[in-house]
Protein backbone atom coordinates (compact mmCIF):
# COMPACT_ATOMS: atom_id res chain seq x y z
CA MET A 1 -0.06 0.19 -0.07
CA PHE A 2 0.90 3.40 -0.68
CA THR A 3 1.67 5.91 2.09
CA PRO A 4 1.99 9.35 1.17
CA ARG A 5 5.04 11.02 2.55
CA GLN A 6 6.15 14.56 2.79
CA ILE A 7 9.16 16.69 0.77
CA ALA A 8 12.15 16.23 3.04
CA LYS A 9 14.83 18.69 0.86
CA LYS A 10 14.22 20.50 -2.48
CA PHE A 11 17.12 21.88 -4.35
CA VAL A 12 17.86 22.64 -8.42
CA ALA A 13 19.88 20.18 -9.92
CA GLN A 14 23.76 21.87 -10.81
CA GLU A 15 25.36 21.78 -14.14
CA GLU A 16 28.22 19.43 -14.95
CA LYS A 17 30.91 19.26 -17.20
CA GLU A 18 30.25 16.02 -18.94
CA GLY A 19 30.60 14.79 -22.67
CA VAL A 20 31.12 16.47 -25.74
CA GLY A 21 28.04 18.85 -26.67
CA ALA A 22 26.30 18.11 -23.42
CA ARG A 23 24.47 19.63 -20.96
CA VAL A 24 23.98 17.65 -17.76
CA TYR A 25 22.24 18.87 -14.46
CA ARG A 26 22.53 16.40 -11.78
CA SER A 27 20.51 16.06 -8.80
CA ILE A 28 21.66 12.80 -7.02
CA GLY A 29 25.34 12.24 -7.14
CA SER A 30 26.01 15.99 -6.83
CA SER A 31 28.02 17.77 -3.98
CA ARG A 32 24.50 18.82 -2.49
CA LEU A 33 23.08 15.13 -2.31
CA ARG A 34 25.69 12.26 -2.69
CA SER A 35 24.16 9.34 -1.18
CA LEU A 36 20.31 8.34 -2.05
CA ASP A 37 20.55 4.72 -1.71
CA PRO A 38 19.90 2.77 -4.03
CA PHE A 39 20.52 5.71 -6.28
CA LEU A 40 24.17 6.69 -7.14
CA ILE A 41 23.08 9.35 -9.78
CA LEU A 42 20.15 11.29 -10.86
CA ASP A 43 21.04 13.39 -14.37
CA GLU A 44 18.89 14.93 -16.83
CA ALA A 45 20.83 15.58 -20.20
CA SER A 46 20.60 17.37 -23.67
CA VAL A 47 23.08 16.15 -26.16
CA GLY A 48 23.60 18.10 -29.22
CA LEU A 49 24.93 16.79 -32.67
CA PRO A 50 27.72 15.79 -33.10
CA GLY A 51 28.07 15.28 -28.97
CA GLY A 52 27.95 12.31 -26.48
CA PHE A 53 30.05 11.07 -23.83
CA PRO A 54 33.32 9.51 -23.85
CA ASP A 55 33.85 5.61 -22.71
CA HIS A 56 33.07 5.02 -19.00
CA PRO A 57 32.66 1.78 -16.90
CA HIS A 58 29.51 0.36 -15.80
CA ARG A 59 30.53 -2.08 -13.41
CA GLY A 60 28.83 -2.96 -10.57
CA PHE A 61 25.33 -1.21 -11.45
CA GLU A 62 22.47 -0.96 -14.28
CA THR A 63 22.29 2.26 -15.86
CA VAL A 64 18.47 3.06 -16.79
CA SER A 65 17.39 6.01 -19.39
CA TYR A 66 14.15 7.41 -20.53
CA VAL A 67 14.04 10.26 -23.61
CA LEU A 68 10.71 12.02 -22.27
CA PRO A 69 7.63 12.01 -24.53
CA THR A 70 7.42 15.78 -25.30
CA SER A 71 11.42 15.37 -26.21
CA LYS A 72 11.80 16.14 -29.67
CA GLY A 73 14.85 14.09 -30.57
CA HIS A 74 15.86 10.71 -29.80
CA MET A 75 18.93 8.65 -28.23
CA TYR A 76 21.50 6.42 -29.85
CA HIS A 77 23.53 4.10 -27.23
CA GLU A 78 26.25 2.52 -27.76
CA ALA A 79 28.50 0.34 -25.08
CA PHE A 80 31.77 -0.64 -25.18
CA LEU A 81 31.04 -3.78 -26.11
CA GLY A 82 28.89 -3.19 -29.05
CA ASN A 83 25.84 -3.24 -27.54
CA ASN A 84 23.72 -0.83 -28.62
CA GLY A 85 19.72 0.73 -29.40
CA GLU A 86 17.92 3.79 -29.91
CA LEU A 87 15.25 4.90 -27.53
CA ARG A 88 12.85 7.34 -28.82
CA PRO A 89 10.28 9.90 -26.83
CA GLY A 90 8.63 7.96 -24.11
CA GLY A 91 10.11 4.79 -24.58
CA ARG A 92 8.92 4.38 -28.18
C-alpha cells in the first residue's frame, strides 16, 4: 500500500561538465546530495550533434535511460562491447 510522504529537501540540480556538446544537470550524485540509496546518480542530459560521452565503465550497477515523451529528439547508445540501441520519446 502506498503511504504519502512529505518532501524532505528541495533544491535546483547543478550543471556538470560531461561529454562533448552535452549539458548535464545532476541532482542525485552532486556535492549537495551525494547519497540517496539505492540511487547513485540522477541526471537530466541534453546532447547536441555531434556530441556524446567518452567511453566509461558501468560495472557493479545498472543504468536506466528514458527520453521524455515531449522530447523532439531521440538517443542512440553504443556500449563498449558493441551493444547498441535507440531510444525514442516515451520509450517507443
